[in-house]
């Protein structure tokens, strides 16, 4: 039996999962998983020690051949470091090299949204999409969007991750959507993340109502018939439709996959194609829109896939 490990480092939690894999790496089966809090206020050294402590017993029981790590930020692939993102303790730190040294294994570092997009394309909704079309997953182009605390994207062109000429492709959360009342943490104004993330959804409700409540409560109030909550949902859907139409007029993809906490909210995403299609320039362009199928563990699947692709 061959094993590999996928690690998904999020802004609030870290998930480590051991997978058994087939010889051709076309399937991954989780055999052991562990989650722990990502303490953003600690130091890099403390976090690295914590991660090593969690991984050691896993490797003793399941001798993995490789480890993949998904990180919440932009990467410098030459220096193998995260260079921007919300989890500050990882910025400009040699995480890949340090883990490889500690574990004595090949370690691959990848952006978390790329991990999500890759996993869904080959093991999740993309696999189902390909079966329905009687084709292979590698024949399709897609974008994975993470609608969570922030807004991240992972782009696949004909089944291959597209990182761009400078490894900065699909930073969709920091493309301009419309003028915003406050600047983004990236110091720009009008970033899509300010409107389409979970935090952005709550911000928009607060602007309408004057009081701040969680996204979950907004959705519950809307379900109960609250006009202001329903207005916030309508506003969100319209912005998302404009955003997706802009993306597709540039990319013309086969399908999009939604992940992150907001992707579970049907009132926000259900039937979104009905708002997107009239905004597309070409009437022939009809991309499909899917919710994720791998749950919030898509990141660890994708991280493991990245590691296997590097070692195969």
Protein backbone atom coordinates (compact mmCIF):
# COMPACT_ATOMS: atom_id res chain seq x y z
CA UNK A 1 0.00 0.00 0.00
CA UNK A 2 1.30 3.44 -0.95
CA UNK A 3 0.57 6.49 1.22
CA UNK A 4 0.86 10.24 0.87
CA UNK A 5 -0.08 13.14 3.12
CA UNK A 6 -2.03 16.27 2.29
CA UNK A 7 -1.89 19.33 4.54
CA UNK A 8 -4.27 22.26 4.24
CA UNK A 9 -3.22 25.32 6.24
CA UNK A 10 -6.15 27.67 6.64
CA UNK A 11 -6.54 30.98 8.41
CA UNK A 12 -8.23 29.30 11.39
CA UNK A 13 -7.42 25.58 11.18
CA UNK A 14 -4.85 23.17 9.80
CA UNK A 15 -5.90 19.77 8.47
CA UNK A 16 -3.50 16.87 7.93
CA UNK A 17 -4.74 13.73 6.14
CA UNK A 18 -3.05 10.47 5.21
CA UNK A 19 -4.27 8.95 1.93
CA UNK A 20 -3.75 5.56 0.40
CA UNK A 21 -3.32 5.84 -3.35
CA UNK A 22 -3.55 3.72 -6.46
CA UNK A 23 -0.44 3.13 -8.57
CA UNK A 24 -1.57 5.63 -11.21
CA UNK A 25 -2.65 8.15 -8.52
CA UNK A 26 -6.15 8.43 -10.03
CA UNK A 27 -7.82 7.81 -6.68
CA UNK A 28 -7.14 8.80 -3.09
CA UNK A 29 -8.68 7.19 -0.02
CA UNK A 30 -8.37 8.97 3.35
CA UNK A 31 -7.21 6.61 6.10
CA UNK A 32 -6.37 9.04 8.93
CA UNK A 33 -7.01 12.73 9.54
CA UNK A 34 -6.26 15.33 12.20
CA UNK A 35 -7.25 18.99 12.58
CA UNK A 36 -5.87 21.62 14.89
CA UNK A 37 -6.14 25.38 15.26
CA UNK A 38 -3.85 27.61 13.22
CA UNK A 39 -2.69 30.08 15.85
CA UNK A 40 -2.06 33.18 13.75
CA UNK A 41 -0.61 35.14 16.67
CA UNK A 42 2.11 32.57 17.42
CA UNK A 43 5.55 32.54 15.83
CA UNK A 44 6.55 30.55 12.75
CA UNK A 45 8.82 28.36 14.88
CA UNK A 46 6.01 27.47 17.29
CA UNK A 47 3.69 26.61 14.41
CA UNK A 48 6.33 24.48 12.66
CA UNK A 49 6.94 22.54 15.90
CA UNK A 50 3.19 21.99 16.29
CA UNK A 51 2.86 20.75 12.72
CA UNK A 52 5.82 18.39 13.11
CA UNK A 53 4.37 17.07 16.37
CA UNK A 54 1.08 16.19 14.63
CA UNK A 55 2.75 14.58 11.61
CA UNK A 56 5.27 12.38 13.42
CA UNK A 57 2.84 9.72 14.72
CA UNK A 58 1.05 9.66 11.36
CA UNK A 59 4.27 8.84 9.53
CA UNK A 60 5.21 6.17 12.06
CA UNK A 61 1.95 4.35 11.32
CA UNK A 62 1.64 5.23 7.62
CA UNK A 63 5.05 5.57 5.90
CA UNK A 64 4.18 8.16 3.26
CA UNK A 65 6.18 8.67 0.06
CA UNK A 66 5.46 12.41 -0.21
CA UNK A 67 3.79 15.35 1.50
CA UNK A 68 1.81 18.18 -0.12
CA UNK A 69 1.06 21.44 1.66
CA UNK A 70 -1.61 23.95 0.66
CA UNK A 71 -1.01 27.46 2.03
CA UNK A 72 -3.40 30.46 2.12
CA UNK A 73 -1.47 32.93 0.00
CA UNK A 74 0.62 33.69 -3.08
CA UNK A 75 3.82 31.74 -3.61
CA UNK A 76 7.25 32.49 -4.97
CA UNK A 77 7.86 29.07 -6.54
CA UNK A 78 11.55 29.72 -7.13
CA UNK A 79 12.23 30.56 -3.50
CA UNK A 80 9.54 28.06 -2.39
CA UNK A 81 7.97 30.48 0.07
CA UNK A 82 4.61 32.14 0.64
CA UNK A 83 5.07 35.86 -0.09
CA UNK A 84 1.58 37.28 0.55
CA UNK A 85 -1.55 36.23 2.42
CA UNK A 86 -3.56 36.61 5.59
CA UNK A 87 -1.60 34.09 7.70
CA UNK A 88 1.35 36.36 8.42
CA UNK A 89 3.46 33.84 10.34
CA UNK A 90 4.10 31.92 7.09
CA UNK A 91 5.17 34.85 4.92
CA UNK A 92 8.75 34.54 3.63
CA UNK A 93 9.37 31.46 5.77
CA UNK A 94 11.12 28.32 4.37
CA UNK A 95 8.22 26.01 5.24
CA UNK A 96 8.79 23.53 2.41
CA UNK A 97 12.50 23.16 3.14
CA UNK A 98 11.99 22.97 6.91
CA UNK A 99 9.32 20.28 6.64
CA UNK A 100 11.35 18.27 4.13
CA UNK A 101 14.32 18.39 6.50
CA UNK A 102 12.27 17.42 9.56
CA UNK A 103 10.30 14.65 7.84
CA UNK A 104 13.05 13.46 5.48
CA UNK A 105 10.49 13.30 2.66
CA UNK A 106 9.75 15.18 -0.58
CA UNK A 107 7.48 18.12 0.29
CA UNK A 108 5.50 20.17 -2.25
CA UNK A 109 4.12 23.65 -1.53
CA UNK A 110 1.03 24.96 -3.36
CA UNK A 111 -1.55 27.71 -3.07
CA UNK A 112 -4.67 26.45 -1.26
CA UNK A 113 -7.10 27.59 -3.96
CA UNK A 114 -5.05 25.72 -6.58
CA UNK A 115 -5.27 22.63 -4.36
CA UNK A 116 -9.04 23.02 -4.15
CA UNK A 117 -9.44 23.48 -7.91
CA UNK A 118 -7.19 20.51 -8.75
CA UNK A 119 -8.95 18.18 -6.31
CA UNK A 120 -12.44 19.03 -7.57
CA UNK A 121 -11.32 18.73 -11.20
CA UNK A 122 -9.89 15.22 -10.85
CA UNK A 123 -11.62 13.69 -7.83
CA UNK A 124 -14.81 15.74 -7.36
CA UNK A 125 -17.32 17.47 -9.60
CA UNK A 126 -14.88 17.61 -12.52
CA UNK A 127 -14.63 13.82 -12.53
CA UNK A 128 -18.43 13.56 -12.64
CA UNK A 129 -18.60 16.26 -15.33
CA UNK A 130 -16.12 14.33 -17.48
CA UNK A 131 -18.04 11.05 -17.09
CA UNK A 132 -21.28 12.77 -18.16
CA UNK A 133 -19.52 14.15 -21.25
CA UNK A 134 -17.78 10.80 -21.92
CA UNK A 135 -14.39 12.49 -21.80
CA UNK A 136 -11.39 12.73 -19.48
CA UNK A 137 -11.04 15.37 -16.70
CA UNK A 138 -7.82 16.65 -18.28
CA UNK A 139 -9.76 17.79 -21.36
CA UNK A 140 -11.66 20.51 -19.47
CA UNK A 141 -10.87 24.03 -18.27
CA UNK A 142 -12.28 25.23 -14.97
CA UNK A 143 -12.00 27.70 -12.12
CA UNK A 144 -12.36 26.87 -8.45
CA UNK A 145 -13.58 29.78 -6.31
CA UNK A 146 -13.25 29.74 -2.53
CA UNK A 147 -15.95 31.96 -1.02
CA UNK A 148 -14.78 32.03 2.58
CA UNK A 149 -13.10 34.53 4.86
CA UNK A 150 -11.50 35.80 1.66
CA UNK A 151 -12.00 35.07 -2.05
CA UNK A 152 -9.48 32.80 -3.72
CA UNK A 153 -9.24 31.17 -7.12
CA UNK A 154 -7.50 28.24 -8.79
CA UNK A 155 -7.44 28.00 -12.58
CA UNK A 156 -7.04 24.86 -14.69
CA UNK A 157 -6.59 25.08 -18.46
CA UNK A 158 -7.17 21.73 -20.17
CA UNK A 159 -6.62 19.96 -16.88
CA UNK A 160 -3.36 21.69 -15.98
CA UNK A 161 -2.92 24.24 -13.20
CA UNK A 162 -2.21 27.63 -14.73
CA UNK A 163 -0.07 29.70 -12.38
CA UNK A 164 0.76 32.46 -14.84
CA UNK A 165 4.07 33.85 -16.08
CA UNK A 166 4.88 35.26 -12.64
CA UNK A 167 3.00 32.65 -10.56
CA UNK A 168 0.25 35.15 -9.75
CA UNK A 169 -2.66 33.86 -11.86
CA UNK A 170 -6.24 33.57 -10.53
CA UNK A 171 -5.85 36.05 -7.67
CA UNK A 172 -9.48 36.79 -8.43
CA UNK A 173 -10.26 38.24 -5.00
CA UNK A 174 -8.04 41.20 -5.79
CA UNK A 175 -9.51 42.08 -9.16
CA UNK A 176 -11.63 45.22 -9.22
CA UNK A 177 -15.39 44.85 -8.83
CA UNK A 178 -16.62 48.30 -7.73
CA UNK A 179 -15.63 51.15 -5.45
CA UNK A 180 -15.65 50.16 -1.78
CA UNK A 181 -16.04 52.16 1.41
CA UNK A 182 -12.77 50.79 2.77
CA UNK A 183 -9.54 49.58 1.26
CA UNK A 184 -8.62 45.91 1.11
CA UNK A 185 -5.73 44.61 3.22
CA UNK A 186 -3.76 44.56 -0.06
CA UNK A 187 -4.08 48.38 0.04
CA UNK A 188 -6.26 48.54 -3.09
CA UNK A 189 -9.84 49.76 -3.28
CA UNK A 190 -12.75 47.87 -4.81
CA UNK A 191 -11.38 44.33 -4.58
CA UNK A 192 -13.97 41.64 -5.29
CA UNK A 193 -13.05 40.03 -1.96
CA UNK A 194 -14.51 43.05 -0.14
CA UNK A 195 -17.94 42.17 -1.55
CA UNK A 196 -18.04 38.44 -2.29
CA UNK A 197 -16.26 36.89 0.70
CA UNK A 198 -18.17 35.91 3.83
CA UNK A 199 -16.81 39.01 5.53
CA UNK A 200 -17.87 41.11 2.54
CA UNK A 201 -21.41 39.70 2.66
CA UNK A 202 -21.65 40.69 6.33
CA UNK A 203 -20.24 44.15 5.53
CA UNK A 204 -22.92 44.76 2.90
CA UNK A 205 -25.68 43.76 5.30
CA UNK A 206 -24.25 46.13 7.90
CA UNK A 207 -24.26 48.99 5.38
CA UNK A 208 -27.95 48.40 4.66
CA UNK A 209 -29.13 47.73 8.21
CA UNK A 210 -26.60 49.56 10.39
CA UNK A 211 -26.03 46.48 12.55
CA UNK A 212 -23.58 43.63 12.00
CA UNK A 213 -24.59 39.99 12.24
CA UNK A 214 -23.03 36.77 10.94
CA UNK A 215 -23.62 35.44 7.45
CA UNK A 216 -25.46 32.48 8.96
CA UNK A 217 -27.89 34.80 10.76
CA UNK A 218 -28.44 36.89 7.62
CA UNK A 219 -29.43 33.75 5.72
CA UNK A 220 -31.75 32.61 8.53
CA UNK A 221 -33.43 36.01 8.69
CA UNK A 222 -33.90 35.99 4.93
CA UNK A 223 -35.52 32.56 5.13
CA UNK A 224 -37.89 33.96 7.77
CA UNK A 225 -38.91 36.75 5.38
CA UNK A 226 -36.77 39.64 6.60
CA UNK A 227 -36.69 42.29 3.84
CA UNK A 228 -33.25 43.68 4.64
CA UNK A 229 -31.63 40.23 4.72
CA UNK A 230 -33.29 39.37 1.40
CA UNK A 231 -32.05 42.66 -0.04
CA UNK A 232 -28.49 41.77 1.04
CA UNK A 233 -28.80 38.39 -0.72
CA UNK A 234 -30.12 39.96 -3.92
CA UNK A 235 -27.28 42.49 -3.87
CA UNK A 236 -24.72 39.71 -3.34
CA UNK A 237 -26.11 37.58 -6.19
CA UNK A 238 -26.09 40.50 -8.62
CA UNK A 239 -22.48 41.34 -7.80
CA UNK A 240 -21.43 37.71 -8.06
CA UNK A 241 -23.14 37.38 -11.45
CA UNK A 242 -21.32 40.47 -12.80
CA UNK A 243 -18.06 39.11 -11.44
CA UNK A 244 -18.52 35.66 -12.99
CA UNK A 245 -19.57 37.14 -16.32
CA UNK A 246 -16.45 39.31 -16.40
CA UNK A 247 -14.29 36.27 -15.64
CA UNK A 248 -15.92 34.13 -18.29
CA UNK A 249 -15.78 36.80 -21.00
CA UNK A 250 -12.01 36.60 -20.52
CA UNK A 251 -11.53 32.89 -19.82
CA UNK A 252 -14.49 31.10 -21.52
CA UNK A 253 -14.31 28.02 -19.27
CA UNK A 254 -16.23 24.75 -19.19
CA UNK A 255 -17.28 25.04 -15.55
CA UNK A 256 -16.82 26.77 -12.20
CA UNK A 257 -16.74 25.15 -8.75
CA UNK A 258 -17.69 26.99 -5.57
CA UNK A 259 -16.01 26.15 -2.27
CA UNK A 260 -15.68 27.82 1.13
CA UNK A 261 -18.30 28.55 3.77
CA UNK A 262 -20.61 30.64 1.57
CA UNK A 263 -20.78 27.88 -1.05
CA UNK A 264 -23.10 26.02 1.31
CA UNK A 265 -25.67 28.84 1.14
CA UNK A 266 -28.16 27.88 -1.57
CA UNK A 267 -29.95 31.28 -1.54
CA UNK A 268 -26.68 32.91 -2.65
CA UNK A 269 -25.71 30.51 -5.45
CA UNK A 270 -28.75 28.54 -6.59
CA UNK A 271 -29.60 29.30 -10.21
CA UNK A 272 -26.73 31.78 -10.55
CA UNK A 273 -26.36 30.85 -14.23
CA UNK A 274 -29.69 32.56 -14.92
CA UNK A 275 -28.09 35.85 -13.86
CA UNK A 276 -24.73 35.18 -15.51
CA UNK A 277 -25.73 34.02 -19.01
CA UNK A 278 -27.49 37.25 -20.10
CA UNK A 279 -24.29 39.15 -19.21
CA UNK A 280 -21.99 37.03 -21.39
CA UNK A 281 -20.88 38.48 -24.71
CA UNK A 282 -21.07 35.21 -26.64
CA UNK A 283 -24.42 33.37 -26.65
CA UNK A 284 -22.45 30.19 -27.37
CA UNK A 285 -20.64 30.41 -24.01
CA UNK A 286 -22.60 28.42 -21.45
CA UNK A 287 -20.33 27.37 -18.56
CA UNK A 288 -21.76 25.24 -15.78
CA UNK A 289 -21.67 26.16 -12.10
CA UNK A 290 -21.21 23.52 -9.41
CA UNK A 291 -21.03 23.38 -5.65
CA UNK A 292 -18.05 21.42 -4.35
CA UNK A 293 -18.36 17.67 -3.80
CA UNK A 294 -15.34 16.97 -1.57
CA UNK A 295 -16.52 19.11 1.33
CA UNK A 296 -14.10 21.28 3.28
CA UNK A 297 -11.45 18.59 2.86
CA UNK A 298 -10.87 19.37 -0.84
CA UNK A 299 -7.69 21.24 0.15
CA UNK A 300 -5.96 18.18 1.59
CA UNK A 301 -6.96 16.08 -1.42
CA UNK A 302 -5.48 18.69 -3.74
CA UNK A 303 -2.31 19.08 -1.71
CA UNK A 304 -1.78 15.32 -1.83
CA UNK A 305 -2.41 15.28 -5.60
CA UNK A 306 0.18 18.03 -6.09
CA UNK A 307 2.73 16.02 -4.14
CA UNK A 308 2.02 12.86 -6.15
CA UNK A 309 2.26 14.70 -9.46
CA UNK A 310 5.66 16.07 -8.44
CA UNK A 311 7.01 12.65 -7.44
CA UNK A 312 5.57 10.61 -10.33
